[in-house]
Amino acid sequence: MAELESLKEEFLKELSEVETSEDLEKLRVKYLGRKGRITELLKKIPTLPPEERREFGKACNLLKGELENLLKEKLSEIKEREKAERLKSERIDVTLPGRRRPLGALHPVTKTLNEIVRIFTSMGFSVAEGPEIETDFYNFEALNIPKGHPAREMQDTFYISDEVVLRTH
């Protein structure tokens, strides 16, 4: 039984020195693995006198369970510490405003039209803008285009109604 106590003290000493999960796994294998220290003790049971076997086996199993619990606690402690360190190094300030995305771009035809307007205005021309839909009077009569003129025919002018047309010039 003194052997079990010294084994437990040795385990606790080594457990307190463990810093990483890899070291903890090595410690687990050393004590609880197939060729571990506890397994070696359990293999000694058949060599003991029959009256000591039950007590020694029971004590070994209790020690094994206690060591497993200590390993689980230490593992959770290590994982929490590693997680905290990782979060500290990957810290993101969620209160910062997000990045503004561009809201779009001009259509290629619009870009081309703007370029043409820029070229012609640099040559001295001006751009006159107005409504796209006109009455027959403003589109033809005010410009002295008579009623029978070929520009008023259906193939040259888009009539929306009898008096409303799309601007032709």
N, C-alpha and C. Protein backbone atom coordinates (compact mmCIF):
# COMPACT_ATOMS: atom_id res chain seq x y z
N MET A 1 0.83 -1.19 0.00
CA MET A 1 0.00 0.00 0.00
C MET A 1 0.87 1.26 0.00
N ALA A 2 2.01 1.17 0.61
CA ALA A 2 2.94 2.31 0.62
C ALA A 2 3.41 2.59 -0.80
N GLU A 3 3.50 1.52 -1.57
CA GLU A 3 3.91 1.66 -2.98
C GLU A 3 2.88 2.50 -3.74
N LEU A 4 1.59 2.30 -3.45
CA LEU A 4 0.52 3.07 -4.10
C LEU A 4 0.58 4.54 -3.70
N GLU A 5 0.85 4.78 -2.42
CA GLU A 5 0.94 6.16 -1.94
C GLU A 5 2.11 6.90 -2.59
N SER A 6 3.25 6.22 -2.67
CA SER A 6 4.42 6.87 -3.28
C SER A 6 4.16 7.11 -4.78
N LEU A 7 3.46 6.17 -5.41
CA LEU A 7 3.11 6.33 -6.83
C LEU A 7 2.19 7.53 -7.01
N LYS A 8 1.23 7.69 -6.12
CA LYS A 8 0.30 8.82 -6.20
C LYS A 8 1.03 10.15 -5.99
N GLU A 9 1.94 10.18 -5.00
CA GLU A 9 2.70 11.41 -4.75
C GLU A 9 3.57 11.76 -5.96
N GLU A 10 4.20 10.75 -6.53
CA GLU A 10 5.04 10.96 -7.72
C GLU A 10 4.18 11.49 -8.88
N PHE A 11 3.00 10.90 -9.05
CA PHE A 11 2.08 11.34 -10.11
C PHE A 11 1.66 12.79 -9.90
N LEU A 12 1.29 13.14 -8.66
CA LEU A 12 0.86 14.51 -8.36
C LEU A 12 1.99 15.51 -8.61
N LYS A 13 3.21 15.12 -8.29
CA LYS A 13 4.36 16.00 -8.52
C LYS A 13 4.53 16.24 -10.02
N GLU A 14 4.49 15.17 -10.80
CA GLU A 14 4.64 15.31 -12.26
C GLU A 14 3.46 16.05 -12.87
N LEU A 15 2.26 15.83 -12.33
CA LEU A 15 1.07 16.49 -12.85
C LEU A 15 1.15 18.01 -12.65
N SER A 16 1.72 18.42 -11.53
CA SER A 16 1.83 19.86 -11.27
C SER A 16 2.82 20.54 -12.23
N GLU A 17 3.73 19.78 -12.81
CA GLU A 17 4.72 20.33 -13.74
C GLU A 17 4.23 20.36 -15.18
N VAL A 18 3.11 19.70 -15.46
CA VAL A 18 2.59 19.62 -16.83
C VAL A 18 2.02 20.97 -17.26
N GLU A 19 2.39 21.41 -18.49
CA GLU A 19 1.93 22.70 -19.01
C GLU A 19 1.08 22.57 -20.27
N THR A 20 1.32 21.51 -21.07
CA THR A 20 0.61 21.37 -22.35
C THR A 20 -0.18 20.08 -22.38
N SER A 21 -1.10 20.00 -23.33
CA SER A 21 -1.91 18.78 -23.45
C SER A 21 -1.07 17.61 -23.95
N GLU A 22 0.00 17.89 -24.71
CA GLU A 22 0.89 16.81 -25.17
C GLU A 22 1.62 16.18 -23.98
N ASP A 23 2.11 17.04 -23.08
CA ASP A 23 2.79 16.54 -21.88
C ASP A 23 1.82 15.75 -21.00
N LEU A 24 0.58 16.22 -20.94
CA LEU A 24 -0.43 15.53 -20.15
C LEU A 24 -0.71 14.14 -20.73
N GLU A 25 -0.73 14.03 -22.05
CA GLU A 25 -0.96 12.73 -22.68
C GLU A 25 0.21 11.79 -22.39
N LYS A 26 1.41 12.31 -22.42
CA LYS A 26 2.58 11.48 -22.09
C LYS A 26 2.49 10.97 -20.65
N LEU A 27 2.05 11.84 -19.76
CA LEU A 27 1.89 11.45 -18.36
C LEU A 27 0.81 10.38 -18.21
N ARG A 28 -0.28 10.54 -18.95
CA ARG A 28 -1.37 9.55 -18.90
C ARG A 28 -0.86 8.19 -19.36
N VAL A 29 -0.12 8.18 -20.46
CA VAL A 29 0.41 6.91 -20.97
C VAL A 29 1.39 6.30 -19.97
N LYS A 30 2.20 7.14 -19.35
CA LYS A 30 3.20 6.65 -18.39
C LYS A 30 2.55 5.94 -17.21
N TYR A 31 1.42 6.47 -16.74
CA TYR A 31 0.80 5.89 -15.55
C TYR A 31 -0.39 4.98 -15.86
N LEU A 32 -1.19 5.32 -16.87
CA LEU A 32 -2.42 4.57 -17.11
C LEU A 32 -2.43 3.79 -18.43
N GLY A 33 -1.36 3.87 -19.19
CA GLY A 33 -1.31 3.18 -20.47
C GLY A 33 -1.19 1.68 -20.33
N ARG A 34 -1.12 0.98 -21.47
CA ARG A 34 -1.04 -0.48 -21.44
C ARG A 34 0.21 -0.97 -20.74
N LYS A 35 1.28 -0.22 -20.87
CA LYS A 35 2.52 -0.59 -20.18
C LYS A 35 2.82 0.40 -19.06
N GLY A 36 1.78 1.00 -18.53
CA GLY A 36 1.94 2.02 -17.50
C GLY A 36 2.21 1.46 -16.12
N ARG A 37 2.45 2.37 -15.20
CA ARG A 37 2.83 2.00 -13.84
C ARG A 37 1.68 1.30 -13.12
N ILE A 38 0.43 1.76 -13.32
CA ILE A 38 -0.72 1.12 -12.67
C ILE A 38 -0.92 -0.28 -13.23
N THR A 39 -0.74 -0.44 -14.53
CA THR A 39 -0.90 -1.76 -15.16
C THR A 39 0.14 -2.73 -14.60
N GLU A 40 1.35 -2.24 -14.38
CA GLU A 40 2.39 -3.10 -13.79
C GLU A 40 1.99 -3.55 -12.38
N LEU A 41 1.38 -2.63 -11.63
CA LEU A 41 0.93 -3.01 -10.28
C LEU A 41 -0.18 -4.04 -10.35
N LEU A 42 -1.09 -3.88 -11.31
CA LEU A 42 -2.19 -4.84 -11.43
C LEU A 42 -1.68 -6.22 -11.86
N LYS A 43 -0.58 -6.25 -12.59
CA LYS A 43 0.00 -7.54 -13.00
C LYS A 43 0.64 -8.27 -11.81
N LYS A 44 0.94 -7.55 -10.74
CA LYS A 44 1.54 -8.16 -9.55
C LYS A 44 0.51 -8.88 -8.68
N ILE A 45 -0.77 -8.64 -8.93
CA ILE A 45 -1.82 -9.20 -8.07
C ILE A 45 -1.74 -10.73 -7.98
N PRO A 46 -1.54 -11.46 -9.10
CA PRO A 46 -1.48 -12.93 -8.96
C PRO A 46 -0.32 -13.43 -8.09
N THR A 47 0.71 -12.62 -7.93
CA THR A 47 1.86 -13.07 -7.11
C THR A 47 1.65 -12.83 -5.62
N LEU A 48 0.61 -12.07 -5.27
CA LEU A 48 0.34 -11.75 -3.86
C LEU A 48 -0.38 -12.91 -3.17
N PRO A 49 -0.30 -12.95 -1.84
CA PRO A 49 -1.07 -13.96 -1.10
C PRO A 49 -2.57 -13.72 -1.29
N PRO A 50 -3.38 -14.76 -1.30
CA PRO A 50 -4.82 -14.63 -1.59
C PRO A 50 -5.55 -13.63 -0.70
N GLU A 51 -5.18 -13.48 0.55
CA GLU A 51 -5.90 -12.56 1.43
C GLU A 51 -5.59 -11.09 1.12
N GLU A 52 -4.46 -10.79 0.46
CA GLU A 52 -4.10 -9.41 0.12
C GLU A 52 -4.58 -9.00 -1.27
N ARG A 53 -4.88 -9.97 -2.11
CA ARG A 53 -5.23 -9.68 -3.51
C ARG A 53 -6.41 -8.72 -3.62
N ARG A 54 -7.49 -9.06 -2.90
CA ARG A 54 -8.71 -8.25 -3.01
C ARG A 54 -8.44 -6.81 -2.58
N GLU A 55 -7.80 -6.62 -1.45
CA GLU A 55 -7.51 -5.26 -0.94
C GLU A 55 -6.60 -4.50 -1.90
N PHE A 56 -5.56 -5.17 -2.37
CA PHE A 56 -4.60 -4.51 -3.26
C PHE A 56 -5.26 -4.15 -4.59
N GLY A 57 -6.05 -5.06 -5.15
CA GLY A 57 -6.76 -4.79 -6.42
C GLY A 57 -7.73 -3.63 -6.28
N LYS A 58 -8.45 -3.64 -5.15
CA LYS A 58 -9.41 -2.56 -4.90
C LYS A 58 -8.68 -1.23 -4.77
N ALA A 59 -7.58 -1.20 -4.05
CA ALA A 59 -6.80 0.03 -3.87
C ALA A 59 -6.22 0.50 -5.21
N CYS A 60 -5.75 -0.45 -6.03
CA CYS A 60 -5.20 -0.09 -7.35
C CYS A 60 -6.28 0.53 -8.23
N ASN A 61 -7.46 -0.06 -8.24
CA ASN A 61 -8.56 0.47 -9.07
C ASN A 61 -9.02 1.84 -8.57
N LEU A 62 -9.07 2.01 -7.23
CA LEU A 62 -9.42 3.33 -6.69
C LEU A 62 -8.38 4.38 -7.10
N LEU A 63 -7.10 4.00 -7.01
CA LEU A 63 -6.03 4.92 -7.41
C LEU A 63 -6.12 5.24 -8.90
N LYS A 64 -6.41 4.22 -9.69
CA LYS A 64 -6.54 4.43 -11.14
C LYS A 64 -7.67 5.41 -11.45
N GLY A 65 -8.82 5.24 -10.80
CA GLY A 65 -9.95 6.16 -11.00
C GLY A 65 -9.61 7.57 -10.55
N GLU A 66 -8.91 7.67 -9.43
CA GLU A 66 -8.52 8.99 -8.92
C GLU A 66 -7.55 9.68 -9.88
N LEU A 67 -6.59 8.91 -10.41
CA LEU A 67 -5.64 9.49 -11.37
C LEU A 67 -6.34 9.93 -12.65
N GLU A 68 -7.31 9.13 -13.11
CA GLU A 68 -8.07 9.51 -14.31
C GLU A 68 -8.83 10.82 -14.08
N ASN A 69 -9.45 10.95 -12.92
CA ASN A 69 -10.18 12.19 -12.60
C ASN A 69 -9.24 13.39 -12.55
N LEU A 70 -8.08 13.20 -11.93
CA LEU A 70 -7.10 14.30 -11.87
C LEU A 70 -6.63 14.69 -13.27
N LEU A 71 -6.44 13.69 -14.13
CA LEU A 71 -6.03 13.97 -15.51
C LEU A 71 -7.11 14.74 -16.26
N LYS A 72 -8.38 14.36 -16.06
CA LYS A 72 -9.48 15.07 -16.73
C LYS A 72 -9.55 16.52 -16.27
N GLU A 73 -9.41 16.74 -14.97
CA GLU A 73 -9.44 18.11 -14.44
C GLU A 73 -8.30 18.94 -15.02
N LYS A 74 -7.11 18.35 -15.04
CA LYS A 74 -5.94 19.07 -15.56
C LYS A 74 -6.11 19.35 -17.06
N LEU A 75 -6.69 18.40 -17.79
CA LEU A 75 -6.91 18.60 -19.22
C LEU A 75 -7.88 19.75 -19.47
N SER A 76 -8.96 19.79 -18.71
CA SER A 76 -9.90 20.90 -18.89
C SER A 76 -9.26 22.23 -18.52
N GLU A 77 -8.43 22.22 -17.49
CA GLU A 77 -7.71 23.44 -17.09
C GLU A 77 -6.76 23.90 -18.21
N ILE A 78 -6.03 22.96 -18.78
CA ILE A 78 -5.09 23.28 -19.86
C ILE A 78 -5.83 23.79 -21.09
N LYS A 79 -6.93 23.14 -21.43
CA LYS A 79 -7.71 23.57 -22.61
C LYS A 79 -8.26 24.98 -22.41
N GLU A 80 -8.74 25.28 -21.22
CA GLU A 80 -9.24 26.63 -20.93
C GLU A 80 -8.12 27.66 -21.07
N ARG A 81 -6.95 27.32 -20.54
CA ARG A 81 -5.82 28.24 -20.63
C ARG A 81 -5.40 28.45 -22.09
N GLU A 82 -5.32 27.35 -22.86
CA GLU A 82 -4.96 27.45 -24.27
C GLU A 82 -5.99 28.26 -25.05
N LYS A 83 -7.26 28.05 -24.72
CA LYS A 83 -8.33 28.80 -25.39
C LYS A 83 -8.23 30.29 -25.07
N ALA A 84 -7.98 30.60 -23.81
CA ALA A 84 -7.85 32.01 -23.40
C ALA A 84 -6.66 32.66 -24.10
N GLU A 85 -5.54 31.94 -24.20
CA GLU A 85 -4.36 32.48 -24.89
C GLU A 85 -4.66 32.69 -26.37
N ARG A 86 -5.34 31.74 -26.99
CA ARG A 86 -5.67 31.86 -28.41
C ARG A 86 -6.62 33.04 -28.64
N LEU A 87 -7.61 33.18 -27.78
CA LEU A 87 -8.55 34.30 -27.93
C LEU A 87 -7.85 35.64 -27.71
N LYS A 88 -6.91 35.65 -26.80
CA LYS A 88 -6.17 36.89 -26.54
C LYS A 88 -5.33 37.27 -27.75
N SER A 89 -4.73 36.29 -28.40
CA SER A 89 -3.89 36.59 -29.57
C SER A 89 -4.73 36.89 -30.81
N GLU A 90 -5.93 36.36 -30.91
CA GLU A 90 -6.79 36.56 -32.07
C GLU A 90 -7.88 37.59 -31.78
N ARG A 91 -7.63 38.47 -30.90
CA ARG A 91 -8.65 39.40 -30.44
C ARG A 91 -9.15 40.31 -31.56
N ILE A 92 -10.45 40.43 -31.68
CA ILE A 92 -11.10 41.27 -32.68
C ILE A 92 -12.00 42.24 -31.95
N ASP A 93 -11.93 43.51 -32.31
CA ASP A 93 -12.79 44.51 -31.71
C ASP A 93 -14.10 44.56 -32.49
N VAL A 94 -15.14 43.96 -31.93
CA VAL A 94 -16.43 43.89 -32.62
C VAL A 94 -17.18 45.21 -32.59
N THR A 95 -16.68 46.19 -31.84
CA THR A 95 -17.36 47.48 -31.79
C THR A 95 -16.94 48.40 -32.93
N LEU A 96 -15.89 48.02 -33.66
CA LEU A 96 -15.47 48.83 -34.80
C LEU A 96 -16.50 48.75 -35.91
N PRO A 97 -16.69 49.84 -36.67
CA PRO A 97 -17.64 49.77 -37.78
C PRO A 97 -17.09 48.87 -38.89
N GLY A 98 -17.99 48.27 -39.63
CA GLY A 98 -17.60 47.39 -40.71
C GLY A 98 -17.04 48.16 -41.89
N ARG A 99 -16.47 47.45 -42.83
CA ARG A 99 -15.94 48.08 -44.03
C ARG A 99 -17.08 48.41 -44.97
N ARG A 100 -17.01 49.59 -45.55
CA ARG A 100 -18.02 49.99 -46.53
C ARG A 100 -17.70 49.33 -47.86
N ARG A 101 -18.69 48.74 -48.44
CA ARG A 101 -18.55 48.13 -49.75
C ARG A 101 -18.95 49.13 -50.81
N PRO A 102 -18.32 49.09 -51.99
CA PRO A 102 -18.75 50.00 -53.06
C PRO A 102 -20.19 49.68 -53.45
N LEU A 103 -20.95 50.72 -53.72
CA LEU A 103 -22.37 50.54 -53.97
C LEU A 103 -22.69 50.17 -55.41
N GLY A 104 -21.73 50.06 -56.26
CA GLY A 104 -21.99 49.67 -57.64
C GLY A 104 -21.11 50.45 -58.58
N ALA A 105 -21.41 50.36 -59.86
CA ALA A 105 -20.62 51.04 -60.88
C ALA A 105 -21.54 51.50 -61.99
N LEU A 106 -21.02 52.41 -62.78
CA LEU A 106 -21.80 52.89 -63.93
C LEU A 106 -21.85 51.82 -65.01
N HIS A 107 -22.94 51.81 -65.73
CA HIS A 107 -23.11 50.90 -66.85
C HIS A 107 -22.12 51.29 -67.95
N PRO A 108 -21.59 50.33 -68.70
CA PRO A 108 -20.63 50.67 -69.76
C PRO A 108 -21.18 51.67 -70.79
N VAL A 109 -22.46 51.58 -71.11
CA VAL A 109 -23.04 52.53 -72.07
C VAL A 109 -23.03 53.94 -71.47
N THR A 110 -23.35 54.05 -70.19
CA THR A 110 -23.33 55.35 -69.52
C THR A 110 -21.91 55.91 -69.49
N LYS A 111 -20.92 55.05 -69.22
CA LYS A 111 -19.53 55.49 -69.23
C LYS A 111 -19.14 56.01 -70.61
N THR A 112 -19.53 55.28 -71.64
CA THR A 112 -19.21 55.69 -73.01
C THR A 112 -19.88 57.01 -73.34
N LEU A 113 -21.15 57.16 -72.99
CA LEU A 113 -21.88 58.41 -73.25
C LEU A 113 -21.22 59.58 -72.52
N ASN A 114 -20.82 59.38 -71.28
CA ASN A 114 -20.13 60.44 -70.54
C ASN A 114 -18.81 60.81 -71.20
N GLU A 115 -18.09 59.82 -71.70
CA GLU A 115 -16.83 60.08 -72.40
C GLU A 115 -17.07 60.89 -73.68
N ILE A 116 -18.10 60.53 -74.43
CA ILE A 116 -18.44 61.26 -75.66
C ILE A 116 -18.82 62.70 -75.32
N VAL A 117 -19.64 62.89 -74.30
CA VAL A 117 -20.04 64.24 -73.89
C VAL A 117 -18.80 65.04 -73.48
N ARG A 118 -17.88 64.41 -72.75
CA ARG A 118 -16.65 65.10 -72.33
C ARG A 118 -15.84 65.54 -73.54
N ILE A 119 -15.72 64.66 -74.53
CA ILE A 119 -14.94 64.99 -75.74
C ILE A 119 -15.59 66.15 -76.49
N PHE A 120 -16.90 66.06 -76.71
CA PHE A 120 -17.57 67.11 -77.49
C PHE A 120 -17.62 68.44 -76.75
N THR A 121 -17.78 68.41 -75.43
CA THR A 121 -17.77 69.68 -74.70
C THR A 121 -16.38 70.30 -74.71
N SER A 122 -15.34 69.47 -74.75
CA SER A 122 -13.98 70.03 -74.85
C SER A 122 -13.74 70.67 -76.22
N MET A 123 -14.51 70.27 -77.23
CA MET A 123 -14.40 70.85 -78.58
C MET A 123 -15.30 72.07 -78.74
N GLY A 124 -16.06 72.42 -77.70
CA GLY A 124 -16.87 73.63 -77.76
C GLY A 124 -18.36 73.39 -77.91
N PHE A 125 -18.78 72.16 -78.03
CA PHE A 125 -20.20 71.87 -78.14
C PHE A 125 -20.84 71.92 -76.76
N SER A 126 -22.17 72.04 -76.73
CA SER A 126 -22.89 72.01 -75.46
C SER A 126 -23.96 70.93 -75.53
N VAL A 127 -24.37 70.46 -74.39
CA VAL A 127 -25.38 69.41 -74.30
C VAL A 127 -26.69 70.05 -73.88
N ALA A 128 -27.72 69.82 -74.67
CA ALA A 128 -29.05 70.32 -74.34
C ALA A 128 -29.91 69.14 -73.96
N GLU A 129 -30.51 69.20 -72.80
CA GLU A 129 -31.35 68.11 -72.34
C GLU A 129 -32.77 68.61 -72.16
N GLY A 130 -33.72 67.71 -72.35
CA GLY A 130 -35.11 68.06 -72.20
C GLY A 130 -35.94 66.81 -72.04
N PRO A 131 -37.26 66.96 -72.10
CA PRO A 131 -38.12 65.79 -71.92
C PRO A 131 -38.03 64.83 -73.10
N GLU A 132 -38.21 63.56 -72.81
CA GLU A 132 -38.17 62.53 -73.85
C GLU A 132 -39.51 62.40 -74.56
N ILE A 133 -40.57 62.79 -73.89
CA ILE A 133 -41.92 62.72 -74.48
C ILE A 133 -42.41 64.15 -74.68
N GLU A 134 -42.86 64.44 -75.92
CA GLU A 134 -43.34 65.79 -76.28
C GLU A 134 -44.74 65.69 -76.86
N THR A 135 -45.39 66.84 -76.90
CA THR A 135 -46.66 66.90 -77.63
C THR A 135 -46.36 67.13 -79.10
N ASP A 136 -47.32 66.86 -79.93
CA ASP A 136 -47.17 67.04 -81.38
C ASP A 136 -46.83 68.50 -81.70
N PHE A 137 -47.39 69.43 -80.95
CA PHE A 137 -47.14 70.84 -81.21
C PHE A 137 -45.66 71.19 -81.04
N TYR A 138 -45.06 70.81 -79.89
CA TYR A 138 -43.67 71.18 -79.63
C TYR A 138 -42.70 70.41 -80.51
N ASN A 139 -43.06 69.21 -80.90
CA ASN A 139 -42.16 68.39 -81.70
C ASN A 139 -42.19 68.77 -83.18
N PHE A 140 -43.36 69.19 -83.69
CA PHE A 140 -43.46 69.49 -85.12
C PHE A 140 -43.96 70.90 -85.42
N GLU A 141 -45.10 71.28 -84.89
CA GLU A 141 -45.74 72.56 -85.23
C GLU A 141 -44.85 73.75 -84.89
N ALA A 142 -44.26 73.77 -83.71
CA ALA A 142 -43.43 74.90 -83.30
C ALA A 142 -42.15 74.99 -84.13
N LEU A 143 -41.78 73.89 -84.77
CA LEU A 143 -40.58 73.86 -85.60
C LEU A 143 -40.91 74.02 -87.09
N ASN A 144 -42.17 74.43 -87.38
CA ASN A 144 -42.63 74.67 -88.76
C ASN A 144 -42.54 73.43 -89.64
N ILE A 145 -42.86 72.26 -89.06
CA ILE A 145 -42.94 71.04 -89.86
C ILE A 145 -44.42 70.83 -90.13
N PRO A 146 -44.85 70.93 -91.41
CA PRO A 146 -46.29 70.86 -91.73
C PRO A 146 -46.87 69.47 -91.50
N LYS A 147 -48.21 69.37 -91.55
CA LYS A 147 -48.95 68.12 -91.27
C LYS A 147 -48.58 67.02 -92.25
N GLY A 148 -48.30 67.28 -93.46
CA GLY A 148 -48.03 66.23 -94.44
C GLY A 148 -46.57 65.89 -94.60
N HIS A 149 -45.73 66.40 -93.75
CA HIS A 149 -44.29 66.19 -93.86
C HIS A 149 -43.95 64.72 -93.59
N PRO A 150 -42.96 64.15 -94.35
CA PRO A 150 -42.60 62.73 -94.16
C PRO A 150 -42.09 62.40 -92.75
N ALA A 151 -41.55 63.36 -92.01
CA ALA A 151 -41.04 63.08 -90.65
C ALA A 151 -42.16 62.76 -89.68
N ARG A 152 -43.39 63.11 -90.05
CA ARG A 152 -44.54 62.83 -89.18
C ARG A 152 -45.13 61.45 -89.42
N GLU A 153 -44.65 60.72 -90.38
CA GLU A 153 -45.21 59.41 -90.69
C GLU A 153 -44.84 58.38 -89.62
N MET A 154 -45.59 57.28 -89.61
CA MET A 154 -45.45 56.26 -88.56
C MET A 154 -44.06 55.62 -88.54
N GLN A 155 -43.41 55.47 -89.68
CA GLN A 155 -42.10 54.81 -89.68
C GLN A 155 -41.00 55.72 -89.15
N ASP A 156 -41.24 57.04 -89.06
CA ASP A 156 -40.22 57.97 -88.58
C ASP A 156 -40.49 58.48 -87.16
N THR A 157 -41.70 58.37 -86.68
CA THR A 157 -42.06 58.93 -85.38
C THR A 157 -42.84 57.90 -84.57
N PHE A 158 -42.52 57.81 -83.29
CA PHE A 158 -43.25 56.91 -82.39
C PHE A 158 -44.34 57.70 -81.70
N TYR A 159 -45.59 57.39 -82.04
CA TYR A 159 -46.74 58.07 -81.44
C TYR A 159 -47.20 57.27 -80.23
N ILE A 160 -47.30 57.94 -79.10
CA ILE A 160 -47.83 57.30 -77.89
C ILE A 160 -49.34 57.41 -77.90
N SER A 161 -49.85 58.56 -78.28
CA SER A 161 -51.28 58.78 -78.54
C SER A 161 -51.35 59.76 -79.72
N ASP A 162 -52.55 60.23 -80.06
CA ASP A 162 -52.68 61.11 -81.23
C ASP A 162 -51.86 62.39 -81.10
N GLU A 163 -51.74 62.92 -79.91
CA GLU A 163 -51.06 64.21 -79.73
C GLU A 163 -49.72 64.09 -78.99
N VAL A 164 -49.34 62.89 -78.50
CA VAL A 164 -48.11 62.71 -77.73
C VAL A 164 -47.17 61.80 -78.50
N VAL A 165 -45.90 62.26 -78.66
CA VAL A 165 -44.91 61.48 -79.40
C VAL A 165 -43.60 61.44 -78.61
N LEU A 166 -42.77 60.46 -78.96
CA LEU A 166 -41.41 60.46 -78.43
C LEU A 166 -40.62 61.52 -79.19
N ARG A 167 -39.79 62.25 -78.54
CA ARG A 167 -39.07 63.34 -79.17
C ARG A 167 -38.18 62.79 -80.28
N THR A 168 -38.28 63.38 -81.46
CA THR A 168 -37.53 62.88 -82.61
C THR A 168 -36.24 63.65 -82.85
N HIS A 169 -36.12 64.85 -82.35
CA HIS A 169 -34.90 65.62 -82.56
C HIS A 169 -34.64 66.55 -81.40
